[in-house]
């Protein structure tokens, strides 16, 4: 069985968020394709809070190369996928290194200036959307790029889909307590719309503490570190899924929301261009509250069009076929 190292930060492996979901899904797909995905992460200079100076950002990754390389060599690995641009220098040691970015040097994101120099060295990447492929070419001249979406679990989307459980005034938001995710906007929406039941789901337990700085309206329900099963179960009960982030590399919960037939409200930024189903509505800070209320007032409680679009475009079957083609080509190099 071929071995491929998946290099991520320790915090990405430990939290119930997109990177860990991607890692588990890739590992499962790898087994089906005869590829052993080996998880690799540094153990030092890692903080539970990724905004502390010297921790978790690209410059902090540089001091972890010895630990990462020791793990790679111990496992006899010659092909590596890394999700953090700070590990771009791995290609100095392993020619078959490919970037799969969970973040991107966009001005809207924390660490934008720190990421940019590392992207100058990227020569091969796997990205989740055509938008990111275009950005890599336009900004960094990287043209060896495969586009493979992060799939959703068809099993969970089938098992938990039950329109009779939908609560018509329930709005769901999934994100982090980070400025570019705009949790403050969601809290203000809830404050201005006390008739709505707003669920805010955070991927890590660390946000239980950080959210204490906010005045939480009585109609907001906070949830932390839910399993994928619990997320799909909760998502089924919401009528509207709202994403108000400034930028995303893929926005996995948006594709899951489509798969569950949610009416979707999202940003108008082109990075969300792949979320283009019939009942997905783009907006901004000036009209989001109105769009969410219009979606909640829709005579339809769910959207078959959104669900069909998701299954055709983002299911784990699509992801599996993408990686089958990618591994067939890359592992021969």
Protein backbone atom coordinates (compact mmCIF):
# COMPACT_ATOMS: atom_id res chain seq x y z
CA UNK A 1 0.00 0.00 0.00
CA UNK A 2 1.34 3.44 -0.94
CA UNK A 3 1.95 5.84 1.94
CA UNK A 4 1.10 9.54 1.84
CA UNK A 5 1.84 11.87 4.74
CA UNK A 6 -0.82 14.42 5.69
CA UNK A 7 0.90 17.26 7.54
CA UNK A 8 -1.37 19.49 9.61
CA UNK A 9 -0.99 21.46 12.80
CA UNK A 10 -1.78 19.66 16.01
CA UNK A 11 -4.76 21.91 16.67
CA UNK A 12 -6.23 21.01 13.27
CA UNK A 13 -6.13 17.33 14.17
CA UNK A 14 -7.67 17.85 17.62
CA UNK A 15 -10.65 20.11 16.87
CA UNK A 16 -13.96 19.04 15.34
CA UNK A 17 -13.68 21.41 12.39
CA UNK A 18 -13.12 21.28 8.64
CA UNK A 19 -9.45 20.23 8.65
CA UNK A 20 -10.06 17.21 10.89
CA UNK A 21 -13.19 16.20 8.97
CA UNK A 22 -11.18 16.45 5.74
CA UNK A 23 -8.35 14.38 7.25
CA UNK A 24 -10.65 11.58 8.37
CA UNK A 25 -12.49 11.55 5.06
CA UNK A 26 -9.26 11.51 3.05
CA UNK A 27 -7.92 8.66 5.18
CA UNK A 28 -11.08 6.62 4.62
CA UNK A 29 -11.02 7.30 0.87
CA UNK A 30 -7.33 6.43 0.81
CA UNK A 31 -8.03 2.99 2.28
CA UNK A 32 -10.52 2.31 -0.50
CA UNK A 33 -7.95 3.39 -3.09
CA UNK A 34 -5.03 1.47 -1.59
CA UNK A 35 -3.33 4.56 -0.14
CA UNK A 36 -2.31 4.76 3.53
CA UNK A 37 -2.82 8.37 4.70
CA UNK A 38 -0.48 8.88 7.67
CA UNK A 39 -1.30 11.79 10.01
CA UNK A 40 1.74 13.91 10.87
CA UNK A 41 1.88 16.96 13.12
CA UNK A 42 4.44 18.82 15.24
CA UNK A 43 4.20 18.46 19.00
CA UNK A 44 5.93 21.64 20.16
CA UNK A 45 5.32 25.35 19.75
CA UNK A 46 1.61 24.66 19.47
CA UNK A 47 -0.95 26.70 21.35
CA UNK A 48 -4.63 26.19 21.95
CA UNK A 49 -5.15 29.76 20.73
CA UNK A 50 -3.89 30.35 17.21
CA UNK A 51 -3.64 34.12 17.58
CA UNK A 52 -0.89 34.10 20.24
CA UNK A 53 2.43 35.46 18.90
CA UNK A 54 4.91 32.74 17.99
CA UNK A 55 2.34 29.95 17.88
CA UNK A 56 0.41 28.18 15.17
CA UNK A 57 1.22 30.61 12.38
CA UNK A 58 3.57 30.00 9.48
CA UNK A 59 6.69 31.40 11.18
CA UNK A 60 6.05 29.13 14.15
CA UNK A 61 5.87 26.14 11.82
CA UNK A 62 9.48 26.64 10.75
CA UNK A 63 10.85 25.46 14.10
CA UNK A 64 8.93 22.20 13.78
CA UNK A 65 10.59 20.87 10.64
CA UNK A 66 12.87 18.45 12.48
CA UNK A 67 9.90 16.84 14.25
CA UNK A 68 7.86 16.63 11.07
CA UNK A 69 10.74 15.24 9.00
CA UNK A 70 11.55 12.65 11.68
CA UNK A 71 7.96 11.37 11.45
CA UNK A 72 8.03 11.38 7.64
CA UNK A 73 11.31 9.46 7.46
CA UNK A 74 10.29 7.02 10.21
CA UNK A 75 7.23 6.08 8.17
CA UNK A 76 9.15 5.75 4.90
CA UNK A 77 7.02 8.44 3.27
CA UNK A 78 7.97 9.96 -0.08
CA UNK A 79 4.73 11.82 -0.90
CA UNK A 80 3.32 14.52 1.37
CA UNK A 81 0.18 16.67 1.41
CA UNK A 82 0.54 19.68 3.70
CA UNK A 83 -2.34 21.98 4.63
CA UNK A 84 -0.39 24.91 6.06
CA UNK A 85 1.83 27.12 3.90
CA UNK A 86 4.48 27.25 6.65
CA UNK A 87 5.45 23.73 5.60
CA UNK A 88 6.17 24.74 2.00
CA UNK A 89 9.88 24.12 2.65
CA UNK A 90 9.15 20.40 2.83
CA UNK A 91 9.76 20.33 -0.92
CA UNK A 92 13.45 20.94 -0.15
CA UNK A 93 13.46 17.48 1.41
CA UNK A 94 10.69 15.70 -0.50
CA UNK A 95 10.16 16.61 -4.13
CA UNK A 96 6.65 15.13 -4.07
CA UNK A 97 5.05 17.68 -1.75
CA UNK A 98 1.70 19.24 -2.53
CA UNK A 99 -0.21 22.04 -0.80
CA UNK A 100 -3.85 21.55 0.15
CA UNK A 101 -4.71 24.96 1.66
CA UNK A 102 -7.17 25.28 4.51
CA UNK A 103 -6.29 28.97 4.49
CA UNK A 104 -5.19 31.35 1.76
CA UNK A 105 -3.33 34.69 1.63
CA UNK A 106 -6.40 36.81 1.08
CA UNK A 107 -6.43 40.27 2.70
CA UNK A 108 -9.59 39.29 4.61
CA UNK A 109 -7.78 36.59 6.57
CA UNK A 110 -5.62 36.79 9.69
CA UNK A 111 -2.00 36.07 8.83
CA UNK A 112 -2.33 37.33 5.25
CA UNK A 113 1.09 39.04 5.20
CA UNK A 114 2.73 36.11 6.94
CA UNK A 115 1.37 33.57 4.44
CA UNK A 116 2.35 35.41 1.25
CA UNK A 117 6.12 34.70 1.25
CA UNK A 118 5.51 30.97 1.63
CA UNK A 119 3.14 30.90 -1.32
CA UNK A 120 5.96 32.23 -3.51
CA UNK A 121 7.50 28.75 -3.16
CA UNK A 122 4.41 26.65 -3.93
CA UNK A 123 4.70 24.76 -7.21
CA UNK A 124 1.91 22.18 -6.89
CA UNK A 125 -1.45 22.28 -5.13
CA UNK A 126 -4.78 20.60 -4.67
CA UNK A 127 -7.58 23.09 -4.03
CA UNK A 128 -11.29 22.79 -3.35
CA UNK A 129 -12.69 25.29 -5.86
CA UNK A 130 -12.07 26.72 -9.32
CA UNK A 131 -11.88 30.15 -7.68
CA UNK A 132 -8.82 29.13 -5.65
CA UNK A 133 -7.21 27.58 -8.71
CA UNK A 134 -7.57 30.91 -10.50
CA UNK A 135 -6.20 32.84 -7.51
CA UNK A 136 -3.11 30.62 -7.31
CA UNK A 137 -2.39 31.25 -10.98
CA UNK A 138 -3.17 34.97 -10.88
CA UNK A 139 -1.32 35.83 -7.66
CA UNK A 140 1.51 33.29 -7.52
CA UNK A 141 1.89 31.81 -11.00
CA UNK A 142 1.05 28.30 -9.78
CA UNK A 143 -0.58 26.35 -12.60
CA UNK A 144 -0.06 22.71 -11.53
CA UNK A 145 -3.32 22.65 -9.60
CA UNK A 146 -6.02 19.98 -9.21
CA UNK A 147 -9.53 20.91 -8.05
CA UNK A 148 -11.13 18.34 -5.72
CA UNK A 149 -13.98 19.32 -3.39
CA UNK A 150 -14.16 18.22 0.23
CA UNK A 151 -17.08 15.84 0.03
CA UNK A 152 -19.90 15.45 2.53
CA UNK A 153 -21.12 12.15 3.93
CA UNK A 154 -24.01 10.88 1.80
CA UNK A 155 -24.85 8.48 4.61
CA UNK A 156 -25.34 11.28 7.14
CA UNK A 157 -27.22 13.42 4.63
CA UNK A 158 -29.61 10.55 3.89
CA UNK A 159 -30.01 9.32 7.45
CA UNK A 160 -30.81 12.68 9.04
CA UNK A 161 -32.92 14.26 6.30
CA UNK A 162 -36.43 14.60 7.70
CA UNK A 163 -38.34 17.77 6.67
CA UNK A 164 -40.98 17.11 9.33
CA UNK A 165 -38.39 18.08 11.98
CA UNK A 166 -37.69 21.55 10.54
CA UNK A 167 -38.31 24.47 12.91
CA UNK A 168 -39.39 27.37 10.68
CA UNK A 169 -37.83 30.15 12.77
CA UNK A 170 -34.52 28.34 13.35
CA UNK A 171 -31.38 29.89 11.84
CA UNK A 172 -28.10 27.98 11.90
CA UNK A 173 -24.57 29.42 11.73
CA UNK A 174 -21.36 27.36 11.98
CA UNK A 175 -17.96 28.98 12.44
CA UNK A 176 -15.27 30.18 14.81
CA UNK A 177 -14.94 33.08 17.20
CA UNK A 178 -12.68 34.92 14.77
CA UNK A 179 -13.12 38.39 13.34
CA UNK A 180 -13.36 37.30 9.71
CA UNK A 181 -16.16 34.79 10.58
CA UNK A 182 -18.26 37.66 12.00
CA UNK A 183 -19.95 36.02 15.01
CA UNK A 184 -20.72 39.56 16.16
CA UNK A 185 -23.07 39.99 13.19
CA UNK A 186 -24.96 36.82 14.09
CA UNK A 187 -25.41 37.99 17.67
CA UNK A 188 -26.66 41.39 16.47
CA UNK A 189 -29.10 39.70 14.09
CA UNK A 190 -30.46 37.63 16.98
CA UNK A 191 -30.74 40.76 19.12
CA UNK A 192 -32.79 42.54 16.44
CA UNK A 193 -34.92 39.47 15.68
CA UNK A 194 -36.04 38.00 19.03
CA UNK A 195 -38.66 35.89 17.23
CA UNK A 196 -35.88 33.81 15.65
CA UNK A 197 -34.11 30.87 17.27
CA UNK A 198 -30.42 31.21 16.35
CA UNK A 199 -27.99 28.31 16.75
CA UNK A 200 -24.26 29.08 16.67
CA UNK A 201 -21.99 26.04 16.38
CA UNK A 202 -18.26 26.27 17.13
CA UNK A 203 -15.77 23.57 16.19
CA UNK A 204 -13.60 23.70 19.32
CA UNK A 205 -14.13 23.72 23.09
CA UNK A 206 -11.75 26.71 23.30
CA UNK A 207 -14.54 28.92 21.96
CA UNK A 208 -16.67 28.15 25.01
CA UNK A 209 -14.31 30.44 26.91
CA UNK A 210 -13.77 33.08 24.22
CA UNK A 211 -17.51 33.56 23.63
CA UNK A 212 -17.90 34.76 27.22
CA UNK A 213 -16.74 38.20 26.12
CA UNK A 214 -20.03 38.71 24.26
CA UNK A 215 -23.46 39.60 25.57
CA UNK A 216 -25.40 36.58 24.31
CA UNK A 217 -29.09 37.25 23.49
CA UNK A 218 -31.61 34.88 25.05
CA UNK A 219 -32.65 33.51 21.65
CA UNK A 220 -29.12 32.29 20.84
CA UNK A 221 -28.10 28.68 21.50
CA UNK A 222 -24.35 28.05 21.58
CA UNK A 223 -22.99 24.60 20.70
CA UNK A 224 -19.35 23.45 20.85
CA UNK A 225 -17.32 20.63 19.29
CA UNK A 226 -20.26 18.69 17.88
CA UNK A 227 -19.65 15.43 16.04
CA UNK A 228 -20.50 15.25 12.34
CA UNK A 229 -23.51 13.13 13.26
CA UNK A 230 -24.76 15.79 15.68
CA UNK A 231 -24.16 18.58 13.17
CA UNK A 232 -26.27 16.88 10.50
CA UNK A 233 -28.96 16.12 13.07
CA UNK A 234 -29.10 19.79 14.14
CA UNK A 235 -28.81 21.07 10.58
CA UNK A 236 -31.86 19.04 9.61
CA UNK A 237 -33.97 21.03 12.10
CA UNK A 238 -32.96 24.47 10.80
CA UNK A 239 -34.77 26.19 7.97
CA UNK A 240 -31.99 28.64 7.05
CA UNK A 241 -28.23 28.21 7.02
CA UNK A 242 -26.31 31.50 7.11
CA UNK A 243 -22.62 32.06 6.40
CA UNK A 244 -21.36 35.63 6.87
CA UNK A 245 -17.58 35.09 6.70
CA UNK A 246 -15.33 37.45 4.76
CA UNK A 247 -13.52 34.61 2.95
CA UNK A 248 -13.48 30.81 2.80
CA UNK A 249 -11.37 28.31 0.91
CA UNK A 250 -14.37 25.98 0.60
CA UNK A 251 -16.96 26.49 3.39
CA UNK A 252 -17.71 22.84 4.08
CA UNK A 253 -20.81 23.54 6.22
CA UNK A 254 -22.36 25.40 3.28
CA UNK A 255 -22.14 22.31 1.09
CA UNK A 256 -23.52 20.19 3.94
CA UNK A 257 -26.37 22.66 4.34
CA UNK A 258 -27.17 22.37 0.64
CA UNK A 259 -27.14 18.58 0.98
CA UNK A 260 -29.66 18.85 3.80
CA UNK A 261 -31.95 21.03 1.67
CA UNK A 262 -31.42 24.19 3.70
CA UNK A 263 -32.24 27.59 2.28
CA UNK A 264 -28.81 29.23 2.21
CA UNK A 265 -27.71 32.82 2.75
CA UNK A 266 -24.05 33.48 1.94
CA UNK A 267 -21.56 36.27 1.13
CA UNK A 268 -21.37 37.70 -2.38
CA UNK A 269 -17.58 37.24 -2.47
CA UNK A 270 -16.52 35.20 -5.54
CA UNK A 271 -14.89 32.57 -3.32
CA UNK A 272 -18.46 31.32 -2.74
CA UNK A 273 -19.21 31.02 -6.45
CA UNK A 274 -19.40 27.22 -6.21
CA UNK A 275 -22.42 27.59 -3.89
CA UNK A 276 -24.77 28.43 -6.74
CA UNK A 277 -27.89 26.38 -6.21
CA UNK A 278 -31.38 27.77 -6.80
CA UNK A 279 -32.15 28.62 -3.18
CA UNK A 280 -28.76 30.06 -2.21
CA UNK A 281 -28.82 33.83 -1.86
CA UNK A 282 -25.78 36.12 -1.82
CA UNK A 283 -25.58 39.31 0.18
CA UNK A 284 -23.49 41.54 2.41
CA UNK A 285 -23.65 43.44 5.69
CA UNK A 286 -26.18 45.90 4.24
CA UNK A 287 -28.83 43.31 3.42
CA UNK A 288 -27.97 40.04 5.21
CA UNK A 289 -30.53 40.49 7.96
CA UNK A 290 -33.26 41.06 5.38
CA UNK A 291 -32.11 38.07 3.32
CA UNK A 292 -32.14 35.80 6.36
CA UNK A 293 -35.63 36.96 7.26
CA UNK A 294 -36.85 36.53 3.69
CA UNK A 295 -35.41 33.00 3.64
CA UNK A 296 -37.07 32.21 6.96
CA UNK A 297 -40.39 33.51 5.60
CA UNK A 298 -40.23 31.36 2.46
CA UNK A 299 -43.35 29.22 1.94
CA UNK A 300 -41.02 26.26 1.33
CA UNK A 301 -39.30 24.88 4.41
CA UNK A 302 -36.57 23.17 2.41
CA UNK A 303 -35.10 23.02 -1.09
CA UNK A 304 -34.92 19.89 -3.24
CA UNK A 305 -32.90 21.89 -5.78
CA UNK A 306 -30.19 22.67 -3.23
CA UNK A 307 -30.07 19.05 -2.09
CA UNK A 308 -29.78 17.71 -5.63
CA UNK A 309 -27.08 20.23 -6.54
CA UNK A 310 -25.00 19.22 -3.50
CA UNK A 311 -25.23 15.50 -4.25
CA UNK A 312 -24.20 16.12 -7.86
CA UNK A 313 -21.31 18.44 -7.01
CA UNK A 314 -19.87 17.81 -3.53
CA UNK A 315 -20.64 14.31 -2.27
CA UNK A 316 -17.85 12.07 -0.96
CA UNK A 317 -18.30 10.09 -4.19
CA UNK A 318 -17.12 13.16 -6.14
CA UNK A 319 -14.22 13.61 -3.73
CA UNK A 320 -13.25 9.93 -4.05
CA UNK A 321 -13.17 10.05 -7.86
CA UNK A 322 -11.09 13.23 -7.72
CA UNK A 323 -8.48 11.64 -5.47
CA UNK A 324 -8.49 8.42 -7.48
CA UNK A 325 -7.37 10.38 -10.54
CA UNK A 326 -4.95 12.53 -8.52
CA UNK A 327 -3.24 9.60 -6.75
CA UNK A 328 -3.00 7.57 -9.96
CA UNK A 329 -0.96 10.37 -11.51
CA UNK A 330 0.94 11.78 -8.51
CA UNK A 331 2.08 8.53 -6.91
CA UNK A 332 3.80 7.51 -10.12
CA UNK A 333 6.05 10.57 -9.95
